Amino acid sequence: MLRPPLSALLAPRSVAVIGASGHPESRGFHVWRSVSLSTGIERLWPVNPKYRYIGERPCYPDADALPDRAVDLAILCVGRRHLARALGKLSRNPPGAVLFAPQEEGPLSDRIEISELLEAARRMGSRLIGPNSIGLVLPRAGVNASFWPRMPAAGGIALLAQSAMIATGLMDHAGEASLGFSAVVNTGLEADVGMAELIDWFARDAATRVIALEVEALRDPRAFFSALRAAAEKKPVVVLRAGPGAGYAADRLAAGRFGTDAGEDRAFDALIAAAGALRVRTYAEFCAAAAAFSAG
């Protein structure tokens, strides 16, 4: 089945935050704060039946009530038991993409539940990022659709990370090193949008000078290798993955979350080398390599 392009996700002009909130204790507060401070979003709507206004903006009870029927990106910041209903409301006016924020009840990991949500998104013709993604930032476009409170500096690095913790750590480290980003995307469990498709996108992106990847496990090694090899022919690609040692058990745990095998470390090394990319194993190595390539 031909999947819709990623433009609604990676170049959104209209965003609806389902579960937006004015209370700092709520996950919807943090996402709404980041999105509302974005300078590159043309149309923005908070959706929550508990509010008539959030700040000075009118708040809508559900997606059906939005004044504009064109929504590029819908961010779901609702509890697990409300996810299916929230998707159902979106189905009458399908967004181009849906981002599933992490759950306060814990990470969404039930494969049957994830499959049902993915199928619902596909019936709408919407792309899905996550679940368990804390979002994405596009500094050059002025878009912050994430839990991150600050927009990182704009630059030439596209950071694509499966782990939210690693993405945050890498951004903090890169900030200290004065590195700038064309994009930062936390892919989460990659039920739909995965590394290979994102690599293809940023390989074609003129604003991206280097692609930096944090990889825990691969759902589709063939697609990943094909995309990686094609991208490495155009621009430098740096791949961060912990090898045997302190990070190895974490990789195995991540593989369990992804429902796939982590793979042998030597085989992963060979795959990266054959694709023409550079593998690193620490934050410091990542930042040094990304800085050298982006400045070159």
Protein backbone atom coordinates (compact mmCIF):
# COMPACT_ATOMS: atom_id res chain seq x y z
CA MET A 1 0.00 0.00 0.00
CA LEU A 2 1.35 3.43 -1.00
CA ARG A 3 1.76 5.52 2.14
CA PRO A 4 1.14 9.29 2.19
CA PRO A 5 4.25 11.51 2.19
CA LEU A 6 5.77 12.94 5.35
CA SER A 7 5.19 16.60 4.49
CA ALA A 8 2.35 17.02 7.03
CA LEU A 9 4.68 15.73 9.75
CA LEU A 10 7.94 17.42 8.76
CA ALA A 11 6.54 20.66 7.33
CA PRO A 12 3.32 21.26 9.32
CA ARG A 13 1.50 24.57 8.93
CA SER A 14 -1.56 23.70 11.03
CA VAL A 15 -1.45 21.83 14.35
CA ALA A 16 -4.13 20.66 16.77
CA VAL A 17 -3.13 19.63 20.29
CA ILE A 18 -5.72 17.16 21.56
CA GLY A 19 -5.66 17.34 25.34
CA ALA A 20 -4.01 20.75 25.54
CA SER A 21 -4.02 22.09 29.08
CA GLY A 22 -3.30 25.16 31.15
CA HIS A 23 -2.18 23.14 34.18
CA PRO A 24 1.59 22.54 34.53
CA GLU A 25 0.95 19.08 36.01
CA SER A 26 -0.54 17.86 32.76
CA ARG A 27 1.38 16.42 29.79
CA GLY A 28 -0.87 18.54 27.56
CA PHE A 29 0.50 21.68 29.19
CA HIS A 30 4.09 21.00 28.16
CA VAL A 31 3.27 20.13 24.56
CA TRP A 32 0.89 23.08 24.22
CA ARG A 33 3.51 25.47 25.63
CA SER A 34 6.11 24.32 23.09
CA VAL A 35 3.72 24.37 20.15
CA SER A 36 2.19 27.74 21.03
CA LEU A 37 5.65 29.36 21.13
CA SER A 38 6.45 28.12 17.62
CA THR A 39 6.86 30.89 15.08
CA GLY A 40 6.41 28.77 11.95
CA ILE A 41 2.94 27.34 12.62
CA GLU A 42 0.26 29.32 10.80
CA ARG A 43 -2.86 27.82 12.40
CA LEU A 44 -2.92 26.34 15.90
CA TRP A 45 -5.79 24.98 17.97
CA PRO A 46 -6.04 23.62 21.52
CA VAL A 47 -8.66 20.88 21.94
CA ASN A 48 -10.00 19.98 25.38
CA PRO A 49 -13.65 19.90 26.53
CA LYS A 50 -12.58 21.11 29.99
CA TYR A 51 -11.65 24.60 28.78
CA ARG A 52 -13.25 27.44 26.86
CA TYR A 53 -9.90 29.23 26.62
CA ILE A 54 -6.27 28.36 27.23
CA GLY A 55 -4.55 31.65 27.75
CA GLU A 56 -6.08 33.97 25.16
CA ARG A 57 -6.84 31.24 22.64
CA PRO A 58 -10.30 29.71 22.26
CA CYS A 59 -10.23 26.03 23.17
CA TYR A 60 -12.44 23.59 21.28
CA PRO A 61 -14.31 20.65 22.84
CA ASP A 62 -13.27 18.18 20.12
CA ALA A 63 -11.76 18.00 16.65
CA ASP A 64 -15.22 18.31 15.03
CA ALA A 65 -15.52 21.85 16.40
CA LEU A 66 -12.34 23.22 14.81
CA PRO A 67 -13.01 26.26 12.62
CA ASP A 68 -10.61 25.08 9.89
CA ARG A 69 -10.97 21.60 8.43
CA ALA A 70 -7.33 21.38 7.27
CA VAL A 71 -5.11 19.93 10.01
CA ASP A 72 -1.57 18.88 9.11
CA LEU A 73 -0.52 17.47 12.49
CA ALA A 74 -2.63 16.31 15.43
CA ILE A 75 -0.78 15.65 18.70
CA LEU A 76 -2.61 13.30 21.08
CA CYS A 77 -1.94 14.17 24.72
CA VAL A 78 -4.82 12.19 26.19
CA GLY A 79 -4.87 9.20 28.51
CA ARG A 80 -4.72 5.66 27.17
CA ARG A 81 -8.42 4.97 27.67
CA HIS A 82 -9.25 8.06 25.57
CA LEU A 83 -6.94 7.33 22.63
CA ALA A 84 -9.42 5.36 20.53
CA ARG A 85 -12.17 7.97 21.01
CA ALA A 86 -9.79 10.82 20.16
CA LEU A 87 -8.78 9.04 16.95
CA GLY A 88 -12.42 8.46 16.14
CA LYS A 89 -13.12 12.18 16.38
CA LEU A 90 -10.19 12.89 14.07
CA SER A 91 -11.51 10.46 11.47
CA ARG A 92 -14.18 12.93 10.37
CA ASN A 93 -11.49 15.44 9.46
CA PRO A 94 -8.33 13.32 9.06
CA PRO A 95 -5.02 15.09 9.77
CA GLY A 96 -2.00 14.44 7.59
CA ALA A 97 -0.12 13.01 10.57
CA VAL A 98 -0.77 11.96 14.18
CA LEU A 99 1.80 12.08 16.97
CA PHE A 100 1.20 9.84 20.00
CA ALA A 101 2.74 11.47 23.05
CA PRO A 102 3.99 9.26 25.92
CA GLN A 103 1.36 8.08 28.38
CA GLU A 104 1.30 9.18 32.01
CA GLU A 105 0.23 5.62 32.80
CA GLY A 106 3.53 4.35 31.40
CA PRO A 107 4.85 3.60 27.89
CA LEU A 108 2.34 2.26 25.38
CA SER A 109 3.76 -1.19 24.66
CA ASP A 110 0.86 -3.61 24.13
CA ARG A 111 1.31 -4.80 20.53
CA ILE A 112 -2.39 -5.46 19.95
CA GLU A 113 -3.32 -2.00 21.20
CA ILE A 114 -0.61 -0.39 19.06
CA SER A 115 -1.74 -2.36 16.00
CA GLU A 116 -5.32 -1.19 16.49
CA LEU A 117 -4.25 2.45 16.73
CA LEU A 118 -2.04 2.09 13.67
CA GLU A 119 -4.87 0.53 11.68
CA ALA A 120 -7.18 3.38 12.69
CA ALA A 121 -4.60 5.95 11.52
CA ARG A 122 -4.14 4.12 8.22
CA ARG A 123 -7.88 4.04 7.58
CA MET A 124 -7.85 7.83 7.91
CA GLY A 125 -4.91 8.11 5.53
CA SER A 126 -2.81 9.66 8.31
CA ARG A 127 0.83 8.98 9.11
CA LEU A 128 1.69 8.08 12.68
CA ILE A 129 4.81 8.90 14.65
CA GLY A 130 5.39 6.91 17.82
CA PRO A 131 3.86 5.74 20.00
CA ASN A 132 5.92 6.94 22.93
CA SER A 133 7.49 9.79 20.96
CA ILE A 134 8.10 13.05 22.78
CA GLY A 135 7.94 14.81 19.45
CA LEU A 136 9.95 16.70 16.91
CA VAL A 137 11.49 20.13 16.45
CA LEU A 138 12.29 21.89 13.18
CA PRO A 139 14.40 24.91 14.18
CA ARG A 140 14.77 26.36 10.68
CA ALA A 141 11.01 26.23 10.18
CA GLY A 142 10.22 27.54 13.67
CA VAL A 143 8.24 24.44 14.65
CA ASN A 144 8.41 22.82 18.09
CA ALA A 145 5.89 19.96 18.32
CA SER A 146 7.36 18.27 21.37
CA PHE A 147 7.82 18.09 25.14
CA TRP A 148 11.14 19.93 24.82
CA PRO A 149 10.67 23.41 26.30
CA ARG A 150 13.35 25.14 24.24
CA MET A 151 13.97 25.28 20.54
CA PRO A 152 17.56 24.24 19.80
CA ALA A 153 19.74 26.37 17.59
CA ALA A 154 19.21 26.09 13.85
CA GLY A 155 21.96 24.38 11.89
CA GLY A 156 22.77 21.55 9.53
CA ILE A 157 22.35 18.43 11.71
CA ALA A 158 19.27 16.20 11.42
CA LEU A 159 19.08 14.12 14.62
CA LEU A 160 16.83 11.05 14.41
CA ALA A 161 16.61 9.11 17.69
CA GLN A 162 14.56 6.14 18.85
CA SER A 163 15.13 6.97 22.53
CA ALA A 164 13.64 10.15 24.00
CA MET A 165 16.25 10.13 26.75
CA ILE A 166 19.11 9.82 24.27
CA ALA A 167 17.64 12.56 22.04
CA THR A 168 17.40 14.90 25.02
CA GLY A 169 20.92 14.07 26.16
CA LEU A 170 22.34 14.57 22.69
CA MET A 171 20.60 17.93 22.31
CA ASP A 172 21.92 19.08 25.68
CA HIS A 173 25.43 17.92 24.79
CA ALA A 174 25.20 19.49 21.35
CA GLY A 175 23.98 22.74 22.88
CA GLU A 176 27.10 22.93 25.01
CA ALA A 177 29.14 22.40 21.84
CA SER A 178 27.20 25.12 19.97
CA LEU A 179 25.85 22.71 17.35
CA GLY A 180 22.70 23.53 15.40
CA PHE A 181 19.96 21.32 14.00
CA SER A 182 17.84 21.23 10.87
CA ALA A 183 15.56 18.79 12.76
CA VAL A 184 15.32 16.61 15.85
CA VAL A 185 12.87 13.71 15.65
CA ASN A 186 12.19 11.17 18.40
CA THR A 187 10.74 8.20 16.52
CA GLY A 188 9.54 6.23 19.55
CA LEU A 189 8.44 2.67 18.74
CA GLU A 190 8.14 3.37 15.00
CA ALA A 191 4.78 1.68 14.46
CA ASP A 192 4.54 3.56 11.14
CA VAL A 193 7.16 6.23 10.44
CA GLY A 194 10.60 4.70 10.93
CA MET A 195 14.26 5.45 10.47
CA ALA A 196 14.52 4.43 6.81
CA GLU A 197 11.83 6.81 5.60
CA LEU A 198 13.19 9.69 7.68
CA ILE A 199 16.72 9.07 6.39
CA ASP A 200 15.39 9.29 2.83
CA TRP A 201 13.67 12.59 3.63
CA PHE A 202 16.70 14.28 5.19
CA ALA A 203 19.06 12.91 2.55
CA ARG A 204 17.09 15.08 0.10
CA ASP A 205 16.82 18.06 2.46
CA ALA A 206 19.13 20.86 1.30
CA ALA A 207 19.30 22.39 4.80
CA THR A 208 20.70 19.16 6.30
CA ARG A 209 24.47 18.75 6.03
CA VAL A 210 24.86 15.70 8.27
CA ILE A 211 22.41 13.02 9.44
CA ALA A 212 22.92 11.79 13.00
CA LEU A 213 21.11 8.61 14.07
CA GLU A 214 20.59 6.99 17.48
CA VAL A 215 19.60 3.36 16.90
CA GLU A 216 18.52 0.76 19.45
CA ALA A 217 16.92 -1.89 17.23
CA LEU A 218 15.83 -2.23 13.60
CA ARG A 219 12.37 -3.33 12.48
CA ASP A 220 13.45 -3.59 8.84
CA PRO A 221 17.24 -3.93 8.45
CA ARG A 222 17.02 -4.13 4.62
CA ALA A 223 15.12 -0.85 4.31
CA PHE A 224 17.44 0.78 6.85
CA PHE A 225 20.56 -0.34 4.98
CA SER A 226 19.19 0.77 1.62
CA ALA A 227 18.27 4.23 2.93
CA LEU A 228 21.54 4.58 4.84
CA ARG A 229 23.68 3.67 1.82
CA ALA A 230 21.81 6.10 -0.46
CA ALA A 231 22.08 8.90 2.11
CA ALA A 232 25.78 8.30 2.77
CA GLU A 233 26.46 8.86 -0.92
CA LYS A 234 25.09 12.41 -0.56
CA LYS A 235 26.19 13.56 2.90
CA PRO A 236 27.88 12.30 6.08
CA VAL A 237 25.84 9.97 8.30
CA VAL A 238 26.83 9.32 11.93
CA VAL A 239 25.23 6.39 13.78
CA LEU A 240 25.22 6.19 17.58
CA ARG A 241 24.61 2.76 19.09
CA ALA A 242 26.09 1.36 22.28
CA GLY A 243 28.07 -1.82 21.80
CA PRO A 244 28.92 -4.67 24.20
CA GLY A 245 29.33 -3.29 27.70
CA ALA A 246 27.19 -0.95 29.75
CA GLY A 247 24.83 -0.13 26.92
CA TYR A 248 24.43 -3.65 25.55
CA ALA A 249 21.76 -4.77 28.02
CA ALA A 250 19.83 -1.62 27.21
CA ASP A 251 19.95 -2.51 23.53
CA ARG A 252 18.52 -5.94 24.31
CA LEU A 253 15.75 -4.37 26.35
CA ALA A 254 14.99 -1.95 23.53
CA ALA A 255 14.85 -4.82 21.06
CA GLY A 256 12.17 -6.38 23.24
CA ARG A 257 10.17 -3.15 23.12
CA PHE A 258 10.45 -3.08 19.34
CA GLY A 259 9.50 -6.74 19.02
CA THR A 260 12.64 -7.57 17.07
CA ASP A 261 16.15 -8.92 17.56
CA ALA A 262 18.83 -6.43 18.55
CA GLY A 263 21.28 -8.22 16.27
CA GLU A 264 24.93 -9.01 16.79
CA ASP A 265 27.13 -6.00 17.34
CA ARG A 266 29.69 -7.13 14.75
CA ALA A 267 26.95 -7.59 12.16
CA PHE A 268 25.65 -4.08 12.91
CA ASP A 269 29.18 -2.71 12.55
CA ALA A 270 29.51 -4.43 9.17
CA LEU A 271 26.16 -3.05 8.01
CA ILE A 272 27.13 0.51 8.91
CA ALA A 273 30.56 0.18 7.27
CA ALA A 274 29.10 -1.33 4.08
CA ALA A 275 26.65 1.57 3.85
CA GLY A 276 29.47 4.09 4.09
CA ALA A 277 28.35 5.63 7.39
CA LEU A 278 30.34 6.24 10.59
CA ARG A 279 29.45 4.42 13.80
CA VAL A 280 30.13 5.97 17.22
CA ARG A 281 29.44 4.68 20.73
CA THR A 282 29.39 7.74 23.02
CA TYR A 283 27.82 11.19 23.24
CA ALA A 284 31.26 12.75 22.97
CA GLU A 285 32.11 10.86 19.79
CA PHE A 286 28.74 11.77 18.32
CA CYS A 287 29.13 15.47 19.01
CA ALA A 288 32.71 15.53 17.74
CA ALA A 289 31.77 13.76 14.50
CA ALA A 290 28.61 15.81 13.94
CA ALA A 291 30.51 19.07 14.62
CA ALA A 292 33.30 18.16 12.21
CA PHE A 293 30.94 17.13 9.41
CA SER A 294 28.51 20.02 9.82
CA ALA A 295 31.34 22.54 9.76
CA GLY A 296 33.06 20.98 6.77
